[in-house]
């Protein structure tokens, strides 16, 4: 009885959702945070199965992992997936383990909402792309300025204005735009 009380005190104060399911996937326990993550009340969660929360694309993987865990086989953990909320879906990180509940084999699953992490990853990816584009454009501007300098010297020393002007205009027109600094253009 003391172990049960300790578990409940820990689970009810956890920052992650905790679900316990039977071998068939029926939920027999859900904590407050699991309710918040899924959008279902505790009573509703206890009437659902793990398979009901699995995103349709992930359902076969979830069932396979549940079966393997209950057989005592190794299952990759943690892993990212999406689960169905009452009002949509939410990206989560799942960690699961075999346990016993009321003397029956069961699966305990810790569910972490990673929505904020996913948003930060998307923002970081967008920022990385912006920085890469900026540096590529700056590098192209630098190369173009070097080409212009060389062609100007060729024109000066060899008197080939038509050739250098022709070569100058072979540079991609995209090099003229996208730059915060003005680009020198031939007359």
Foldseek 3Di string as FASTA:
>chain_A
DVVVVVVLVDQQPDCWWKFKAALVFQTPDIYPNNCVQQVHDRVVSNVDGPLQFADPVCNVVVNVQSNCQLVVHDDDPFDWGWTHHPVGIFIWTKGKHWDDDPNHIMMMIIIGGCRVVVVVVVVVVVVVVVVVVVVVLVVLLVVLVVLLVVLVVCCVPVVDVVVSLVVNVVRDPCNCDPDPDHHDHDD
